Amino acid sequence: MSTVSLDQKLALAKRCSREATLAGAKAAAVATVASAIPTLASVRMLPWAKANINPTGQALIISTVAGMAYFIAADKKILSLARRHSFENAPEHLKNTSYQGTGRPHPAFFRP
């Protein structure tokens, strides 16, 4: 089992947080466009939306979707990186996740 210094752990954490930030920003940009188009189109075309959704409401709808997308994507990226790194640093006896009783391998979603 290899020992990892504190500096290496901090560098890894910094890299992981940067990757998560970029993934969240990409998701937020896509979600902004994906929510802005129907929101702005519906305000122009639907009489109910034109009467009841003012510019502040439109901005609130679009920014809420973008914020949710950012945090969901960043959280998913952090969890996937943490799982991958915890598996890489695990002892060998824990890495063998196959059950020896059957001749069939696990389905793909159980593999690390």
N, C-alpha and C. Protein backbone atom coordinates (compact mmCIF):
# COMPACT_ATOMS: atom_id res chain seq x y z
N MET A 1 0.84 -1.18 0.00
CA MET A 1 0.00 0.00 0.00
C MET A 1 0.89 1.23 0.00
N SER A 2 0.62 2.16 -0.88
CA SER A 2 1.44 3.34 -0.99
C SER A 2 0.92 4.43 -0.06
N THR A 3 1.84 5.20 0.47
CA THR A 3 1.46 6.32 1.31
C THR A 3 1.45 7.58 0.45
N VAL A 4 0.48 8.42 0.70
CA VAL A 4 0.32 9.64 -0.07
C VAL A 4 0.55 10.81 0.88
N SER A 5 1.43 11.73 0.47
CA SER A 5 1.74 12.86 1.33
C SER A 5 0.59 13.87 1.32
N LEU A 6 0.64 14.76 2.27
CA LEU A 6 -0.39 15.78 2.39
C LEU A 6 -0.40 16.69 1.17
N ASP A 7 0.79 17.01 0.64
CA ASP A 7 0.85 17.86 -0.54
C ASP A 7 0.19 17.20 -1.75
N GLN A 8 0.39 15.89 -1.88
CA GLN A 8 -0.23 15.17 -2.99
C GLN A 8 -1.75 15.14 -2.83
N LYS A 9 -2.22 14.96 -1.60
CA LYS A 9 -3.66 14.96 -1.36
C LYS A 9 -4.26 16.33 -1.66
N LEU A 10 -3.57 17.39 -1.27
CA LEU A 10 -4.08 18.74 -1.54
C LEU A 10 -4.09 19.04 -3.04
N ALA A 11 -3.05 18.60 -3.75
CA ALA A 11 -3.02 18.81 -5.20
C ALA A 11 -4.15 18.04 -5.88
N LEU A 12 -4.40 16.82 -5.42
CA LEU A 12 -5.48 16.03 -5.99
C LEU A 12 -6.84 16.67 -5.71
N ALA A 13 -7.03 17.17 -4.50
CA ALA A 13 -8.29 17.82 -4.15
C ALA A 13 -8.49 19.09 -4.97
N LYS A 14 -7.41 19.84 -5.20
CA LYS A 14 -7.50 21.05 -6.00
C LYS A 14 -7.87 20.73 -7.45
N ARG A 15 -7.25 19.67 -7.99
CA ARG A 15 -7.56 19.27 -9.36
C ARG A 15 -9.00 18.78 -9.49
N CYS A 16 -9.45 18.02 -8.51
CA CYS A 16 -10.82 17.51 -8.53
C CYS A 16 -11.84 18.64 -8.43
N SER A 17 -11.57 19.62 -7.58
CA SER A 17 -12.52 20.73 -7.45
C SER A 17 -12.53 21.57 -8.72
N ARG A 18 -11.39 21.70 -9.38
CA ARG A 18 -11.36 22.44 -10.66
C ARG A 18 -12.16 21.70 -11.72
N GLU A 19 -11.99 20.38 -11.81
CA GLU A 19 -12.76 19.60 -12.78
C GLU A 19 -14.26 19.70 -12.50
N ALA A 20 -14.63 19.66 -11.23
CA ALA A 20 -16.05 19.77 -10.87
C ALA A 20 -16.60 21.15 -11.21
N THR A 21 -15.81 22.18 -11.00
CA THR A 21 -16.24 23.54 -11.33
C THR A 21 -16.46 23.69 -12.83
N LEU A 22 -15.54 23.15 -13.62
CA LEU A 22 -15.69 23.22 -15.07
C LEU A 22 -16.91 22.43 -15.54
N ALA A 23 -17.12 21.25 -14.97
CA ALA A 23 -18.30 20.46 -15.35
C ALA A 23 -19.58 21.19 -14.98
N GLY A 24 -19.61 21.81 -13.82
CA GLY A 24 -20.78 22.57 -13.41
C GLY A 24 -21.03 23.78 -14.29
N ALA A 25 -19.95 24.47 -14.67
CA ALA A 25 -20.11 25.65 -15.52
C ALA A 25 -20.62 25.26 -16.91
N LYS A 26 -20.13 24.15 -17.44
CA LYS A 26 -20.62 23.69 -18.74
C LYS A 26 -22.10 23.33 -18.66
N ALA A 27 -22.47 22.62 -17.61
CA ALA A 27 -23.88 22.25 -17.45
C ALA A 27 -24.76 23.47 -17.26
N ALA A 28 -24.28 24.46 -16.53
CA ALA A 28 -25.05 25.68 -16.32
C ALA A 28 -25.24 26.45 -17.61
N ALA A 29 -24.21 26.48 -18.45
CA ALA A 29 -24.33 27.19 -19.73
C ALA A 29 -25.36 26.52 -20.63
N VAL A 30 -25.31 25.20 -20.68
CA VAL A 30 -26.27 24.47 -21.51
C VAL A 30 -27.68 24.64 -20.96
N ALA A 31 -27.83 24.57 -19.64
CA ALA A 31 -29.15 24.71 -19.03
C ALA A 31 -29.70 26.11 -19.20
N THR A 32 -28.84 27.10 -19.20
CA THR A 32 -29.29 28.48 -19.40
C THR A 32 -29.92 28.64 -20.78
N VAL A 33 -29.23 28.14 -21.78
CA VAL A 33 -29.76 28.24 -23.14
C VAL A 33 -31.02 27.39 -23.27
N ALA A 34 -30.98 26.18 -22.69
CA ALA A 34 -32.12 25.28 -22.82
C ALA A 34 -33.36 25.79 -22.10
N SER A 35 -33.20 26.58 -21.06
CA SER A 35 -34.36 27.12 -20.36
C SER A 35 -34.75 28.51 -20.86
N ALA A 36 -33.78 29.26 -21.38
CA ALA A 36 -34.08 30.62 -21.83
C ALA A 36 -34.93 30.62 -23.09
N ILE A 37 -34.64 29.72 -24.00
CA ILE A 37 -35.38 29.70 -25.27
C ILE A 37 -36.87 29.47 -25.05
N PRO A 38 -37.28 28.39 -24.36
CA PRO A 38 -38.73 28.22 -24.18
C PRO A 38 -39.36 29.27 -23.26
N THR A 39 -38.61 29.77 -22.29
CA THR A 39 -39.17 30.79 -21.40
C THR A 39 -39.45 32.08 -22.17
N LEU A 40 -38.48 32.53 -22.92
CA LEU A 40 -38.67 33.78 -23.68
C LEU A 40 -39.68 33.60 -24.81
N ALA A 41 -39.69 32.42 -25.42
CA ALA A 41 -40.66 32.17 -26.49
C ALA A 41 -42.08 32.12 -25.95
N SER A 42 -42.25 31.49 -24.80
CA SER A 42 -43.60 31.39 -24.25
C SER A 42 -44.13 32.75 -23.80
N VAL A 43 -43.26 33.61 -23.31
CA VAL A 43 -43.71 34.95 -22.90
C VAL A 43 -44.15 35.76 -24.11
N ARG A 44 -43.54 35.51 -25.25
CA ARG A 44 -43.94 36.24 -26.46
C ARG A 44 -45.20 35.66 -27.11
N MET A 45 -45.42 34.34 -26.98
CA MET A 45 -46.50 33.69 -27.73
C MET A 45 -47.75 33.38 -26.91
N LEU A 46 -47.60 33.08 -25.65
CA LEU A 46 -48.76 32.67 -24.84
C LEU A 46 -49.34 33.88 -24.09
N PRO A 47 -50.61 34.12 -24.22
CA PRO A 47 -51.22 35.28 -23.55
C PRO A 47 -51.10 35.20 -22.01
N TRP A 48 -51.26 34.00 -21.44
CA TRP A 48 -51.15 33.88 -19.99
C TRP A 48 -49.75 34.23 -19.51
N ALA A 49 -48.74 33.71 -20.20
CA ALA A 49 -47.36 33.99 -19.80
C ALA A 49 -47.02 35.47 -20.00
N LYS A 50 -47.54 36.05 -21.07
CA LYS A 50 -47.28 37.47 -21.33
C LYS A 50 -47.87 38.34 -20.21
N ALA A 51 -49.03 37.94 -19.71
CA ALA A 51 -49.70 38.73 -18.68
C ALA A 51 -49.12 38.49 -17.29
N ASN A 52 -48.59 37.29 -17.02
CA ASN A 52 -48.23 36.94 -15.64
C ASN A 52 -46.75 36.78 -15.35
N ILE A 53 -45.91 36.65 -16.35
CA ILE A 53 -44.47 36.47 -16.09
C ILE A 53 -43.74 37.73 -16.55
N ASN A 54 -43.33 38.53 -15.58
CA ASN A 54 -42.60 39.76 -15.90
C ASN A 54 -41.11 39.43 -16.11
N PRO A 55 -40.30 40.39 -16.53
CA PRO A 55 -38.87 40.12 -16.77
C PRO A 55 -38.13 39.56 -15.55
N THR A 56 -38.53 39.99 -14.36
CA THR A 56 -37.90 39.44 -13.16
C THR A 56 -38.22 37.96 -13.01
N GLY A 57 -39.45 37.58 -13.28
CA GLY A 57 -39.84 36.17 -13.22
C GLY A 57 -39.12 35.34 -14.26
N GLN A 58 -38.94 35.90 -15.45
CA GLN A 58 -38.20 35.18 -16.49
C GLN A 58 -36.76 34.95 -16.06
N ALA A 59 -36.14 35.98 -15.52
CA ALA A 59 -34.75 35.84 -15.06
C ALA A 59 -34.65 34.84 -13.92
N LEU A 60 -35.64 34.84 -13.05
CA LEU A 60 -35.64 33.90 -11.93
C LEU A 60 -35.76 32.46 -12.42
N ILE A 61 -36.62 32.22 -13.40
CA ILE A 61 -36.76 30.87 -13.95
C ILE A 61 -35.45 30.41 -14.58
N ILE A 62 -34.85 31.25 -15.39
CA ILE A 62 -33.63 30.88 -16.10
C ILE A 62 -32.47 30.68 -15.12
N SER A 63 -32.31 31.58 -14.17
CA SER A 63 -31.17 31.46 -13.24
C SER A 63 -31.35 30.29 -12.28
N THR A 64 -32.57 29.95 -11.92
CA THR A 64 -32.80 28.80 -11.05
C THR A 64 -32.40 27.51 -11.75
N VAL A 65 -32.78 27.39 -12.99
CA VAL A 65 -32.40 26.20 -13.76
C VAL A 65 -30.89 26.12 -13.92
N ALA A 66 -30.25 27.23 -14.20
CA ALA A 66 -28.79 27.24 -14.36
C ALA A 66 -28.09 26.88 -13.05
N GLY A 67 -28.57 27.42 -11.94
CA GLY A 67 -27.96 27.10 -10.65
C GLY A 67 -28.13 25.65 -10.27
N MET A 68 -29.31 25.12 -10.51
CA MET A 68 -29.54 23.69 -10.21
C MET A 68 -28.64 22.82 -11.06
N ALA A 69 -28.52 23.14 -12.33
CA ALA A 69 -27.66 22.34 -13.22
C ALA A 69 -26.21 22.40 -12.77
N TYR A 70 -25.76 23.58 -12.35
CA TYR A 70 -24.38 23.72 -11.90
C TYR A 70 -24.11 22.81 -10.70
N PHE A 71 -24.95 22.89 -9.69
CA PHE A 71 -24.69 22.13 -8.49
C PHE A 71 -24.88 20.63 -8.69
N ILE A 72 -25.83 20.24 -9.50
CA ILE A 72 -26.02 18.81 -9.75
C ILE A 72 -24.83 18.24 -10.51
N ALA A 73 -24.38 18.93 -11.56
CA ALA A 73 -23.25 18.44 -12.34
C ALA A 73 -21.96 18.43 -11.52
N ALA A 74 -21.73 19.48 -10.76
CA ALA A 74 -20.52 19.53 -9.93
C ALA A 74 -20.53 18.43 -8.87
N ASP A 75 -21.68 18.20 -8.26
CA ASP A 75 -21.78 17.16 -7.24
C ASP A 75 -21.56 15.78 -7.85
N LYS A 76 -22.14 15.53 -9.01
CA LYS A 76 -21.92 14.24 -9.67
C LYS A 76 -20.46 14.04 -10.01
N LYS A 77 -19.79 15.08 -10.47
CA LYS A 77 -18.37 14.98 -10.83
C LYS A 77 -17.52 14.72 -9.59
N ILE A 78 -17.80 15.41 -8.50
CA ILE A 78 -17.04 15.20 -7.27
C ILE A 78 -17.23 13.78 -6.76
N LEU A 79 -18.46 13.28 -6.78
CA LEU A 79 -18.72 11.92 -6.31
C LEU A 79 -18.05 10.88 -7.20
N SER A 80 -18.06 11.09 -8.51
CA SER A 80 -17.42 10.11 -9.39
C SER A 80 -15.90 10.12 -9.21
N LEU A 81 -15.31 11.30 -9.04
CA LEU A 81 -13.87 11.37 -8.82
C LEU A 81 -13.49 10.77 -7.47
N ALA A 82 -14.29 11.03 -6.46
CA ALA A 82 -14.00 10.47 -5.14
C ALA A 82 -14.08 8.95 -5.16
N ARG A 83 -15.08 8.43 -5.85
CA ARG A 83 -15.22 6.97 -5.95
C ARG A 83 -14.03 6.37 -6.69
N ARG A 84 -13.64 7.01 -7.79
CA ARG A 84 -12.51 6.49 -8.57
C ARG A 84 -11.22 6.52 -7.75
N HIS A 85 -10.97 7.62 -7.06
CA HIS A 85 -9.73 7.72 -6.30
C HIS A 85 -9.74 6.83 -5.06
N SER A 86 -10.91 6.63 -4.46
CA SER A 86 -10.94 5.74 -3.30
C SER A 86 -10.71 4.30 -3.74
N PHE A 87 -11.18 3.95 -4.94
CA PHE A 87 -10.93 2.60 -5.44
C PHE A 87 -9.47 2.42 -5.80
N GLU A 88 -8.84 3.45 -6.37
CA GLU A 88 -7.42 3.35 -6.73
C GLU A 88 -6.55 3.20 -5.49
N ASN A 89 -6.90 3.83 -4.40
CA ASN A 89 -6.08 3.80 -3.19
C ASN A 89 -6.47 2.68 -2.23
N ALA A 90 -7.43 1.86 -2.60
CA ALA A 90 -7.89 0.80 -1.70
C ALA A 90 -6.89 -0.35 -1.68
N PRO A 91 -6.84 -1.11 -0.57
CA PRO A 91 -5.98 -2.29 -0.52
C PRO A 91 -6.45 -3.33 -1.55
N GLU A 92 -5.55 -4.20 -1.94
CA GLU A 92 -5.85 -5.18 -2.99
C GLU A 92 -7.01 -6.10 -2.62
N HIS A 93 -7.10 -6.51 -1.35
CA HIS A 93 -8.16 -7.44 -0.99
C HIS A 93 -9.55 -6.80 -1.09
N LEU A 94 -9.62 -5.48 -1.09
CA LEU A 94 -10.91 -4.81 -1.26
C LEU A 94 -11.22 -4.50 -2.72
N LYS A 95 -10.21 -4.53 -3.58
CA LYS A 95 -10.44 -4.24 -4.99
C LYS A 95 -11.11 -5.41 -5.71
N ASN A 96 -10.92 -6.62 -5.22
CA ASN A 96 -11.53 -7.77 -5.84
C ASN A 96 -13.00 -7.82 -5.43
N THR A 97 -13.86 -7.32 -6.29
CA THR A 97 -15.28 -7.23 -5.95
C THR A 97 -16.09 -8.35 -6.59
N SER A 98 -15.44 -9.27 -7.27
CA SER A 98 -16.20 -10.33 -7.92
C SER A 98 -16.55 -11.42 -6.92
N TYR A 99 -17.73 -11.94 -7.07
CA TYR A 99 -18.20 -13.03 -6.21
C TYR A 99 -17.71 -14.34 -6.81
N GLN A 100 -17.05 -15.16 -6.01
CA GLN A 100 -16.42 -16.37 -6.53
C GLN A 100 -17.40 -17.53 -6.69
N GLY A 101 -18.62 -17.40 -6.26
CA GLY A 101 -19.56 -18.51 -6.28
C GLY A 101 -20.18 -18.79 -7.64
N THR A 102 -20.17 -17.83 -8.54
CA THR A 102 -20.78 -18.03 -9.85
C THR A 102 -19.74 -17.83 -10.93
N GLY A 103 -20.03 -18.37 -12.09
CA GLY A 103 -19.12 -18.20 -13.22
C GLY A 103 -19.41 -16.96 -14.02
N ARG A 104 -20.48 -16.25 -13.66
CA ARG A 104 -20.86 -15.06 -14.41
C ARG A 104 -20.24 -13.80 -13.79
N PRO A 105 -19.76 -12.88 -14.63
CA PRO A 105 -19.29 -11.60 -14.07
C PRO A 105 -20.48 -10.73 -13.68
N HIS A 106 -20.20 -9.72 -12.90
CA HIS A 106 -21.24 -8.76 -12.51
C HIS A 106 -21.71 -7.99 -13.73
N PRO A 107 -22.93 -7.49 -13.69
CA PRO A 107 -23.37 -6.57 -14.75
C PRO A 107 -22.48 -5.32 -14.75
N ALA A 108 -22.50 -4.59 -15.84
CA ALA A 108 -21.60 -3.46 -16.03
C ALA A 108 -21.79 -2.39 -14.96
N PHE A 109 -23.02 -2.21 -14.43
CA PHE A 109 -23.23 -1.14 -13.47
C PHE A 109 -22.67 -1.45 -12.09
N PHE A 110 -22.24 -2.69 -11.84
CA PHE A 110 -21.59 -3.01 -10.58
C PHE A 110 -20.09 -2.92 -10.63
N ARG A 111 -19.54 -2.83 -11.81
CA ARG A 111 -18.09 -2.75 -11.95
C ARG A 111 -17.61 -1.36 -11.57
N PRO A 112 -16.45 -1.29 -10.95
CA PRO A 112 -15.92 0.04 -10.59
C PRO A 112 -15.39 0.78 -11.79
